[in-house]
Protein backbone atom coordinates (compact mmCIF):
# COMPACT_ATOMS: atom_id res chain seq x y z
CA MET A 1 160.25 -219.82 110.07
CA SER A 2 163.01 -218.42 107.86
CA THR A 3 165.32 -215.58 108.88
CA SER A 4 165.92 -212.75 106.46
CA PRO A 5 169.50 -212.26 105.18
CA GLU A 6 169.57 -208.75 106.65
CA ILE A 7 168.85 -210.01 110.15
CA THR A 8 171.37 -212.86 109.80
CA ASN A 9 174.12 -210.51 108.61
CA SER A 10 173.30 -208.12 111.44
CA VAL A 11 173.61 -210.90 114.02
CA ILE A 12 176.92 -212.06 112.53
CA LEU A 13 178.26 -208.51 112.50
CA SER A 14 177.19 -207.93 116.09
CA THR A 15 178.89 -211.15 117.17
CA GLU A 16 182.10 -210.13 115.42
CA MET A 17 181.96 -206.73 117.05
CA PHE A 18 181.44 -208.27 120.47
CA ILE A 19 184.36 -210.66 120.02
CA ALA A 20 186.64 -207.92 118.72
CA LEU A 21 185.81 -205.66 121.65
CA SER A 22 185.84 -208.45 124.25
CA PRO A 23 189.18 -207.46 125.91
CA ILE A 24 187.90 -203.94 126.61
CA LEU A 25 184.56 -205.33 127.80
CA LEU A 26 186.33 -207.86 130.03
CA LEU A 27 188.44 -205.11 131.56
CA SER A 28 185.32 -202.99 132.19
CA PHE A 29 183.60 -205.98 133.78
CA GLY A 30 186.67 -206.50 135.95
CA ILE A 31 186.43 -202.91 137.21
CA VAL A 32 182.79 -203.49 138.20
CA LEU A 33 183.75 -206.72 139.98
CA SER A 34 186.54 -204.85 141.77
CA LEU A 35 183.98 -202.40 143.15
CA LEU A 36 181.80 -205.28 144.34
CA LEU A 37 184.82 -207.01 145.86
CA ILE A 38 185.76 -203.85 147.76
CA ALA A 39 182.18 -203.51 149.02
CA TRP A 40 182.17 -207.14 150.18
CA ARG A 41 185.58 -207.27 151.86
CA ARG A 42 188.43 -204.78 152.09
CA SER A 43 191.71 -206.65 151.72
CA GLN A 44 194.83 -205.20 150.15
CA LYS A 45 196.24 -208.57 149.14
CA MET A 46 192.96 -209.75 147.65
CA ILE A 47 192.32 -206.62 145.55
CA ALA A 48 195.93 -206.65 144.31
CA LEU A 49 195.73 -210.29 143.27
CA PHE A 50 192.35 -209.72 141.64
CA THR A 51 193.73 -206.74 139.69
CA GLN A 52 196.63 -208.85 138.45
CA PHE A 53 194.20 -211.62 137.51
CA ILE A 54 192.04 -209.24 135.45
CA LEU A 55 195.08 -207.86 133.64
CA VAL A 56 196.44 -211.34 132.85
CA ILE A 57 193.10 -212.59 131.54
CA THR A 58 192.69 -209.45 129.43
CA LEU A 59 196.22 -209.86 128.08
CA LEU A 60 195.71 -213.53 127.18
CA LEU A 61 192.39 -212.78 125.48
CA THR A 62 193.99 -209.99 123.44
CA ILE A 63 196.85 -212.25 122.34
CA HIS A 64 194.31 -214.94 121.40
CA LEU A 65 192.43 -212.45 119.20
CA LEU A 66 195.69 -211.39 117.57
CA SER A 67 196.35 -215.01 116.58
CA GLY A 68 192.94 -215.27 114.88
CA ASP A 69 191.46 -213.83 111.70
CA ILE A 70 188.98 -211.37 113.16
CA LEU A 71 191.42 -208.44 113.20
CA VAL A 72 192.88 -208.86 109.71
CA GLY A 73 192.66 -206.15 107.08
CA SER A 74 191.25 -202.84 108.19
CA GLY A 75 189.93 -204.37 111.42
CA THR A 76 186.42 -204.46 112.82
CA GLN A 77 184.36 -201.28 112.83
CA ILE A 78 182.26 -201.01 115.99
CA THR A 79 179.71 -198.27 115.36
CA THR A 80 181.29 -195.00 114.31
CA LEU A 81 183.23 -194.64 117.57
CA LEU A 82 185.66 -197.54 117.55
CA ASN A 83 187.75 -199.47 115.07
CA VAL A 84 189.52 -202.54 116.43
CA ASP A 85 192.46 -203.52 114.27
CA ARG A 86 195.62 -205.54 114.77
CA PHE A 87 197.86 -202.56 115.47
CA SER A 88 195.51 -201.26 118.16
CA TYR A 89 195.56 -204.52 120.08
CA LEU A 90 199.31 -204.89 119.69
CA SER A 91 199.57 -201.59 121.54
CA PHE A 92 197.04 -202.87 124.06
CA VAL A 93 199.26 -205.90 124.70
CA LEU A 94 202.10 -203.52 125.63
CA ILE A 95 199.72 -201.57 127.86
CA CYS A 96 198.53 -204.67 129.73
CA ILE A 97 202.08 -205.95 130.24
CA SER A 98 203.21 -202.62 131.63
CA ALA A 99 200.14 -202.28 133.87
CA PHE A 100 200.73 -205.78 135.29
CA VAL A 101 204.31 -204.84 136.16
CA VAL A 102 203.10 -201.60 137.78
CA VAL A 103 200.63 -203.52 139.96
CA SER A 104 203.33 -206.04 140.92
CA LEU A 105 205.75 -203.27 141.90
CA SER A 106 203.01 -201.43 143.76
CA ARG A 107 202.37 -204.46 145.95
CA SER A 108 205.89 -204.23 147.38
CA VAL A 109 205.43 -200.50 147.96
CA LEU A 110 202.06 -200.84 149.69
CA LYS A 111 202.95 -203.95 151.68
CA SER A 112 204.12 -201.92 154.67
CA GLU A 113 201.14 -199.55 154.59
CA VAL A 114 198.40 -199.81 157.22
CA GLU A 115 195.62 -198.60 154.92
CA VAL A 116 194.03 -201.01 152.45
CA HIS A 117 194.52 -198.81 149.35
CA ASP A 118 191.93 -200.67 147.29
CA GLU A 119 191.11 -197.47 145.38
CA TYR A 120 194.74 -197.36 144.22
CA TYR A 121 194.36 -200.56 142.21
CA LEU A 122 190.97 -199.46 140.95
CA LEU A 123 192.50 -196.27 139.56
CA ILE A 124 195.18 -198.30 137.78
CA LEU A 125 192.48 -200.38 136.08
CA LEU A 126 190.72 -197.17 135.04
CA VAL A 127 193.97 -195.89 133.53
CA VAL A 128 194.24 -199.12 131.52
CA LEU A 129 190.60 -198.79 130.45
CA GLY A 130 191.17 -195.21 129.27
CA ALA A 131 194.26 -196.37 127.39
CA GLY A 132 192.27 -199.22 125.83
CA ILE A 133 189.57 -196.83 124.63
CA LEU A 134 192.24 -194.59 123.12
CA VAL A 135 193.97 -197.31 121.10
CA VAL A 136 190.70 -198.47 119.48
CA SER A 137 189.28 -194.97 118.92
CA ASP A 138 188.09 -194.04 115.46
CA HIS A 139 186.15 -190.94 116.46
CA PHE A 140 187.02 -187.71 118.25
CA ALA A 141 184.31 -188.35 120.87
CA SER A 142 185.83 -191.70 121.89
CA LEU A 143 189.30 -190.15 121.75
CA PHE A 144 188.30 -187.44 124.22
CA LEU A 145 186.46 -189.96 126.44
CA GLY A 146 189.51 -192.21 126.68
CA PHE A 147 191.77 -189.20 127.21
CA GLU A 148 189.69 -187.98 130.15
CA VAL A 149 189.34 -191.41 131.80
CA LEU A 150 193.10 -191.86 131.61
CA SER A 151 193.93 -188.31 132.73
CA ILE A 152 191.55 -188.09 135.70
CA SER A 153 192.68 -191.49 137.00
CA LEU A 154 196.33 -190.44 136.71
CA VAL A 155 195.63 -187.22 138.63
CA GLY A 156 194.50 -189.30 141.60
CA LEU A 157 197.52 -191.60 141.36
CA VAL A 158 200.19 -188.94 140.90
CA GLY A 159 199.55 -187.38 144.32
CA TYR A 160 198.27 -190.56 145.95
CA PHE A 161 200.89 -190.82 148.71
CA ARG A 162 200.06 -187.48 150.28
CA GLU A 163 202.61 -187.87 153.09
CA HIS A 164 205.48 -187.90 150.59
CA GLU A 165 207.39 -184.73 149.85
CA HIS A 166 206.02 -182.74 146.89
CA ALA A 167 203.03 -185.12 146.56
CA VAL A 168 200.37 -182.39 146.81
CA GLU A 169 202.36 -180.04 144.61
CA THR A 170 202.85 -182.75 141.99
CA GLY A 171 199.18 -183.69 141.93
CA PHE A 172 198.08 -180.07 141.66
CA LYS A 173 200.52 -179.37 138.81
CA TYR A 174 199.40 -182.39 136.87
CA LEU A 175 195.72 -181.55 137.44
CA ILE A 176 196.05 -177.99 136.12
CA LEU A 177 198.24 -178.87 133.15
CA SER A 178 196.16 -181.92 132.23
CA ALA A 179 192.99 -179.81 132.30
CA THR A 180 194.69 -177.25 130.06
CA ALA A 181 195.66 -179.96 127.58
CA SER A 182 192.07 -181.25 127.59
CA SER A 183 190.79 -177.75 126.87
CA PHE A 184 193.15 -177.34 123.92
CA MET A 185 192.12 -180.71 122.55
CA LEU A 186 188.39 -180.05 122.94
CA LEU A 187 188.66 -176.64 121.28
CA GLY A 188 190.65 -178.17 118.44
CA ILE A 189 188.00 -180.86 117.92
CA ALA A 190 185.32 -178.14 117.83
CA PHE A 191 187.23 -176.23 115.14
CA ILE A 192 187.69 -179.38 113.07
CA TYR A 193 183.99 -180.20 113.40
CA SER A 194 183.08 -176.68 112.23
CA GLN A 195 184.75 -177.46 108.91
CA THR A 196 183.91 -181.13 108.44
CA GLY A 197 180.51 -181.57 110.06
CA ASN A 198 181.61 -184.98 111.33
CA LEU A 199 183.78 -186.24 114.20
CA SER A 200 184.83 -189.53 112.62
CA PHE A 201 188.54 -189.84 111.79
CA ALA A 202 187.95 -191.11 108.27
CA VAL A 203 185.25 -188.56 107.34
CA SER A 204 187.16 -185.67 108.90
CA SER A 205 189.96 -186.08 106.39
CA ASN A 206 187.96 -184.12 103.82
CA VAL A 207 186.57 -180.66 104.40
CA MET A 208 182.85 -180.46 103.54
CA PRO A 209 181.90 -178.70 100.26
CA TRP A 210 179.92 -176.02 102.05
CA SER A 211 183.03 -174.72 103.81
CA ALA A 212 184.15 -171.37 102.46
CA GLN A 213 187.86 -171.08 101.62
CA PRO A 214 188.61 -168.24 104.11
CA LEU A 215 187.32 -170.47 106.91
CA GLN A 216 189.94 -173.17 106.19
CA ILE A 217 192.06 -171.53 108.86
CA PHE A 218 189.74 -173.02 111.50
CA ASN A 219 190.57 -176.52 110.33
CA SER A 220 194.31 -175.83 110.51
CA VAL A 221 194.03 -174.24 113.95
CA GLY A 222 191.89 -177.18 115.10
CA ILE A 223 194.52 -179.70 113.99
CA LEU A 224 197.22 -177.67 115.75
CA LEU A 225 195.26 -177.49 119.01
CA LEU A 226 194.44 -181.21 118.87
CA PHE A 227 198.10 -182.05 118.35
CA SER A 228 199.04 -179.74 121.23
CA GLY A 229 196.80 -181.66 123.63
CA ILE A 230 198.30 -184.99 122.57
CA ALA A 231 201.84 -183.53 122.65
CA PHE A 232 201.31 -182.59 126.30
CA LYS A 233 200.66 -186.22 127.26
CA LEU A 234 203.70 -187.30 125.24
CA SER A 235 205.75 -184.48 126.86
CA LEU A 236 207.02 -183.32 123.48
CA ALA A 237 208.88 -180.01 123.32
CA PRO A 238 207.74 -177.29 123.88
CA PHE A 239 205.05 -179.02 126.01
CA HIS A 240 207.58 -180.85 128.15
CA PHE A 241 208.07 -178.56 131.16
CA TRP A 242 205.79 -180.59 133.44
CA SER A 243 207.52 -183.89 132.82
CA PRO A 244 210.63 -183.80 135.11
CA ASP A 245 208.73 -182.44 138.12
CA ILE A 246 205.88 -184.94 137.78
CA TYR A 247 208.28 -187.85 137.24
CA GLN A 248 210.23 -186.92 140.36
CA GLY A 249 207.24 -186.20 142.61
CA SER A 250 205.11 -189.23 141.66
CA PRO A 251 205.44 -192.66 143.28
CA THR A 252 207.85 -194.74 141.21
CA PRO A 253 205.24 -197.30 140.01
CA ILE A 254 203.00 -194.42 138.88
CA THR A 255 205.93 -192.76 137.12
CA LEU A 256 206.38 -196.03 135.22
CA LEU A 257 202.65 -196.04 134.47
CA MET A 258 202.86 -192.55 132.96
CA ALA A 259 206.05 -193.33 131.06
CA THR A 260 204.62 -196.45 129.43
CA VAL A 261 200.83 -196.96 129.52
CA SER A 262 199.86 -193.32 129.04
CA LYS A 263 202.41 -192.60 126.34
CA VAL A 264 201.89 -195.81 124.37
CA ALA A 265 198.14 -195.15 124.28
CA MET A 266 198.50 -191.49 123.28
CA PHE A 267 201.05 -192.20 120.56
CA THR A 268 198.91 -195.02 119.16
CA VAL A 269 195.84 -192.79 118.85
CA LEU A 270 198.01 -190.04 117.33
CA ILE A 271 199.15 -192.44 114.60
CA LYS A 272 195.58 -193.66 113.96
CA CYS A 273 194.27 -190.12 113.76
CA CYS A 274 197.01 -188.89 111.42
CA PHE A 275 196.92 -191.89 109.10
CA SER A 276 193.11 -192.09 108.96
CA GLN A 277 192.87 -188.40 108.03
CA ASN A 278 195.83 -188.48 105.62
CA TYR A 279 197.61 -185.67 107.47
CA PHE A 280 200.83 -186.81 105.80
CA ASN A 281 199.53 -185.10 102.64
CA ASN A 282 199.36 -181.79 104.51
CA GLU A 283 202.73 -180.07 104.08
CA SER A 284 202.08 -177.61 106.90
CA PHE A 285 201.31 -180.42 109.34
CA ILE A 286 204.46 -182.31 108.34
CA GLU A 287 206.50 -179.14 108.88
CA ILE A 288 205.03 -178.80 112.39
CA ILE A 289 205.81 -182.46 113.12
CA THR A 290 209.38 -181.97 111.89
CA VAL A 291 209.94 -178.89 114.07
CA VAL A 292 208.45 -180.51 117.19
CA ALA A 293 210.45 -183.72 116.57
CA LEU A 294 213.73 -181.82 116.21
CA LEU A 295 213.03 -179.70 119.28
CA SER A 296 212.19 -182.78 121.34
CA MET A 297 215.29 -184.67 120.20
CA LEU A 298 217.63 -181.79 121.04
CA VAL A 299 215.91 -180.34 124.12
CA GLY A 300 215.38 -183.73 125.76
CA ASN A 301 218.97 -184.86 125.28
CA ILE A 302 220.63 -181.54 126.09
CA LEU A 303 218.66 -181.00 129.31
CA ALA A 304 219.50 -184.54 130.42
CA LEU A 305 223.25 -183.91 130.26
CA LYS A 306 223.54 -182.30 133.71
CA GLN A 307 220.85 -184.37 135.41
CA GLN A 308 221.88 -186.45 138.43
CA ASN A 309 218.40 -187.46 139.60
CA ILE A 310 217.50 -190.76 137.89
CA LYS A 311 213.78 -189.99 137.57
CA ARG A 312 214.39 -186.55 136.05
CA LEU A 313 216.95 -188.05 133.70
CA MET A 314 214.39 -190.62 132.54
CA ALA A 315 211.87 -187.82 131.99
CA TYR A 316 214.21 -185.92 129.69
CA SER A 317 215.17 -189.17 127.97
CA SER A 318 211.47 -189.81 127.30
CA ILE A 319 211.12 -186.41 125.64
CA ALA A 320 213.90 -187.30 123.20
CA HIS A 321 212.59 -190.80 122.47
CA PHE A 322 209.12 -189.65 121.51
CA GLY A 323 210.75 -186.98 119.38
CA TYR A 324 212.43 -189.84 117.52
CA LEU A 325 209.11 -191.65 117.25
CA LEU A 326 207.45 -188.71 115.48
CA ILE A 327 209.46 -189.76 112.43
CA VAL A 328 206.89 -192.50 111.74
CA LEU A 329 204.26 -189.83 110.97
CA THR A 330 206.23 -188.62 107.97
CA VAL A 331 205.06 -191.28 105.52
CA SER A 332 205.00 -190.46 101.83
CA SER A 333 201.83 -192.39 100.97
CA LEU A 334 199.10 -194.58 102.43
CA GLN A 335 200.97 -197.68 101.24
CA ASN A 336 203.85 -196.92 103.63
CA THR A 337 201.71 -196.78 106.75
CA GLU A 338 202.12 -200.48 107.57
CA PHE A 339 205.89 -200.13 107.70
CA ALA A 340 205.46 -197.04 109.86
CA TRP A 341 203.22 -199.01 112.25
CA GLN A 342 205.79 -201.79 112.43
CA GLY A 343 208.58 -199.35 113.23
CA ALA A 344 206.51 -197.55 115.86
CA LEU A 345 205.38 -200.73 117.65
CA PHE A 346 208.87 -202.20 117.65
CA TYR A 347 210.37 -198.99 119.05
CA LEU A 348 207.62 -198.74 121.67
CA SER A 349 208.32 -202.35 122.70
CA ALA A 350 212.03 -201.58 123.14
CA TYR A 351 211.26 -198.37 125.04
CA LEU A 352 208.75 -200.13 127.32
CA LEU A 353 211.08 -203.03 128.15
CA ALA A 354 213.99 -200.69 128.97
CA ASN A 355 211.82 -198.44 131.17
CA ILE A 356 210.34 -201.38 133.08
CA ALA A 357 213.84 -202.67 133.83
CA ILE A 358 215.24 -199.32 134.99
CA PHE A 359 212.23 -198.42 137.12
CA THR A 360 212.27 -201.87 138.73
CA VAL A 361 215.85 -201.37 139.86
CA LEU A 362 215.01 -197.80 140.85
CA LEU A 363 212.15 -198.98 143.07
CA ILE A 364 214.39 -201.54 144.77
CA SER A 365 216.96 -198.81 145.39
CA GLU A 366 214.34 -196.44 146.77
CA LYS A 367 212.99 -199.07 149.13
CA HIS A 368 216.40 -199.82 150.55
CA ARG A 369 217.34 -196.13 150.84
CA ASP A 370 214.03 -195.32 152.53
CA ASN A 371 214.78 -197.94 155.18
CA MET A 372 218.23 -196.44 155.78
CA SER A 373 217.76 -192.66 155.59
CA GLY A 374 214.13 -191.88 154.78
CA ASP A 375 215.15 -190.18 151.51
CA ARG A 376 213.51 -191.65 148.42
CA ASP A 377 215.26 -189.64 145.67
CA ILE A 378 217.87 -191.72 143.85
CA HIS A 379 220.81 -190.01 142.12
CA ILE A 380 223.52 -191.44 139.91
CA VAL A 381 225.97 -191.33 142.80
CA ASP A 382 223.70 -193.70 144.73
CA TRP A 383 224.31 -196.35 142.10
CA HIS A 384 228.10 -196.15 142.37
CA GLY A 385 229.57 -199.61 142.71
CA MET A 386 226.28 -201.41 142.06
CA PHE A 387 228.02 -203.95 139.83
CA TRP A 388 230.16 -205.16 142.74
CA LYS A 389 227.24 -205.49 145.15
CA ASN A 390 224.30 -206.66 143.05
CA ARG A 391 225.34 -207.75 139.60
CA LEU A 392 221.91 -208.80 138.40
CA SER A 393 220.52 -205.30 138.97
CA ALA A 394 223.61 -203.69 137.45
CA VAL A 395 223.60 -205.85 134.32
CA LEU A 396 219.89 -205.20 133.87
CA VAL A 397 220.50 -201.44 134.06
CA ILE A 398 223.41 -201.73 131.62
CA PHE A 399 221.39 -203.53 128.95
CA SER A 400 218.44 -201.17 129.40
CA VAL A 401 220.60 -198.05 129.11
CA LEU A 402 222.36 -199.47 126.05
CA ALA A 403 218.95 -200.12 124.48
CA LEU A 404 217.86 -196.53 125.14
CA ALA A 405 221.14 -195.31 123.67
CA GLY A 406 220.58 -197.41 120.53
CA ILE A 407 223.75 -199.51 120.77
CA PRO A 408 223.94 -202.53 118.38
CA LEU A 409 222.65 -205.92 119.55
CA THR A 410 219.86 -204.23 121.50
CA MET A 411 216.19 -203.66 120.63
CA GLY A 412 216.80 -199.91 120.75
CA PHE A 413 219.31 -200.14 117.91
CA VAL A 414 216.88 -202.07 115.69
CA GLY A 415 214.10 -199.62 116.59
CA LYS A 416 216.24 -196.64 115.59
CA PHE A 417 217.15 -198.44 112.38
CA TYR A 418 213.44 -198.68 111.56
CA LEU A 419 213.02 -194.96 112.21
CA LEU A 420 216.10 -194.08 110.18
CA ASN A 421 214.84 -196.17 107.28
CA GLN A 422 211.47 -194.41 107.50
CA ALA A 423 213.15 -190.99 107.37
CA VAL A 424 215.27 -192.05 104.38
CA ILE A 425 212.19 -193.22 102.47
CA PHE A 426 210.53 -189.86 103.14
CA LYS A 427 213.84 -188.09 102.34
CA SER A 428 213.60 -186.04 105.52
CA TRP A 429 217.25 -185.12 105.97
CA TRP A 430 216.50 -182.78 108.87
CA LEU A 431 214.96 -185.62 110.87
CA ILE A 432 217.85 -187.92 109.99
CA SER A 433 220.30 -185.30 111.23
CA GLY A 434 218.28 -184.79 114.41
CA LEU A 435 218.17 -188.53 115.08
CA VAL A 436 221.92 -188.93 114.62
CA ILE A 437 222.88 -185.81 116.60
CA GLY A 438 220.36 -186.55 119.37
CA SER A 439 221.61 -190.12 119.71
CA GLY A 440 225.18 -188.83 119.89
CA ILE A 441 224.29 -186.37 122.64
CA GLY A 442 222.42 -189.13 124.47
CA LEU A 443 225.63 -191.14 124.79
CA ALA A 444 227.08 -188.31 126.87
CA TYR A 445 224.68 -189.06 129.73
CA TYR A 446 223.90 -192.74 129.11
CA LEU A 447 227.52 -193.92 129.24
CA PRO A 448 228.41 -192.08 132.52
CA LEU A 449 225.41 -193.82 134.09
CA ILE A 450 226.92 -197.17 133.09
CA PHE A 451 230.41 -196.17 134.26
CA ALA A 452 228.95 -195.21 137.65
CA LEU A 453 227.87 -198.80 138.19
CA PHE A 454 231.53 -199.93 138.20
CA LYS A 455 232.92 -197.30 140.56
CA ASP A 456 234.29 -198.83 143.74
CA GLU A 457 233.14 -196.48 146.52
CA LYS A 458 234.51 -196.91 150.05
CA THR A 459 231.57 -195.14 151.72
CA LEU A 460 229.15 -198.04 151.95
CA GLU A 461 226.57 -196.06 153.92
CA ASN A 462 225.41 -194.27 150.79
CA GLN A 463 225.04 -197.44 148.77
CA VAL A 464 221.41 -198.39 148.14
CA VAL A 465 221.95 -201.80 146.55
CA ASP A 466 223.57 -203.73 149.34
CA GLY A 467 223.17 -207.45 148.73
CA SER A 468 221.71 -207.90 152.18
CA GLY A 469 218.58 -205.92 151.29
CA VAL A 470 215.49 -208.06 151.67
CA TYR A 471 214.05 -206.72 148.43
CA LEU A 472 217.09 -207.90 146.47
CA VAL A 473 217.13 -211.53 147.59
CA THR A 474 213.49 -212.46 147.21
CA THR A 475 213.09 -215.17 144.63
CA GLY A 476 210.17 -213.45 142.89
CA LYS A 477 212.06 -210.25 142.20
CA GLN A 478 215.20 -212.05 141.10
CA LEU A 479 213.18 -214.22 138.71
CA PHE A 480 211.40 -211.17 137.30
CA MET A 481 214.67 -209.27 136.80
CA PHE A 482 216.28 -212.33 135.21
CA THR A 483 213.32 -212.60 132.82
CA LEU A 484 213.74 -208.94 131.85
CA LEU A 485 217.44 -209.50 131.23
CA ILE A 486 216.90 -212.59 129.06
CA SER A 487 214.15 -210.77 127.11
CA SER A 488 216.45 -207.80 126.47
CA LEU A 489 219.19 -210.11 125.17
CA LEU A 490 216.88 -212.34 123.14
CA PHE A 491 214.88 -209.61 121.40
CA GLY A 492 218.03 -207.57 120.75
CA ILE A 493 219.88 -210.43 119.06
CA PHE A 494 216.77 -211.87 117.37
CA PRO A 495 214.50 -208.88 116.61
CA ASP A 496 212.52 -210.97 114.12
CA LEU A 497 210.76 -212.60 117.06
CA VAL A 498 209.03 -209.29 117.73
CA SER A 499 208.61 -208.31 114.09
CA GLN A 500 206.99 -211.63 113.19
CA PHE A 501 204.54 -211.28 116.06
CA ILE A 502 203.59 -207.82 114.83
CA TYR A 503 202.95 -209.08 111.32
CA ARG A 504 201.77 -212.60 112.08
């Protein structure tokens, strides 16, 4: 019995779609297994190890797909909702790496807790799932679904440790502001749909013929509202006010989760949406992007100048860095989008590596300080003399801060060079000026942080990095920190290792 060509092609296409989507499906299956594991036996160590196992398997499968031919070209279209391409899964690799680090750091935080906290790890997996849906979205419905899965899971994690100071306040703030951002985004999608009659990214780039000219304002307002919702998650100015408070009030591993997983996913879907709909041909949209980018560069760096709290400083630094990243949206034509993707992914890799390193040292400092005084907030003064007491931590902080500052021989410098080159191609002199001025202002608070590490303080009771701390001498943490340090050096001196992986 012969099979018709239509049926054969359909089977082949379905198989390709299944393979392309397999990392997301594997992660979803892992979440279901986690629920069954919790129902069978409640064990904090077991659920933590299982979560790490799921993330590692998902990461390896994604890397395997990137090395194959299934994601070449425009990627694999999976119904009208999802489009799995190489750039999406490169972002997903960064997300899985960051999530694995968050789970590993969380294990040291929860080790002393009496409760099992199995729902904590489940929420982290849901955040990764929401981020995974976002990076492969090709439709406003899937975009909003991924946004909500990620946001609702983060709401539970932000205020998870309810006995901590400001935990309830932080969770409530994030809940209200996240719901507001979702409302803006949903209303914007509705306005766009009223003009296009379709929610697909590609189809929505053209307004339908039946739309009357006076009603074009709805499309513009819809784009603005959609961008506002995404800008909230990226904490871009003027949507940045929540960021310092939430960073400070959240548990340090969750702050890292927000700073990396959430922002990488949201920026990836922003690029996909803008490039698929050819927003770079819309002069009004480019003007809005330019204004928001300049505001974020200046506001983030200026407000960080007087900050002494490390978490709040990192929040303001994040505002500036994603202001820099908005430069990649100012492409002059569709042919330049691949270079923009390369610049964005390289910069996100540098940003992620630096944040992981700083928050790892921050968590070690918090743990030691909590044992001594019960106060978890770490200020710059608490890192005085770190170089003389724990050189591995200090050197790791130094290289990470230099990368964020964009000093040569670091990944941050190469990433800023990509962005500067992008701005020059587009001839956006305002953005070039903002990048240069913002980077200059950033040195005014990055360098004092480095100088603080070399100060020789006599009052040892305030030092949080004493070499006798149990969390500083464990082999696992030292090996992890040494790996971060070697990676920072290697990728800074040989950036082609990252670039070639992006365009393999």
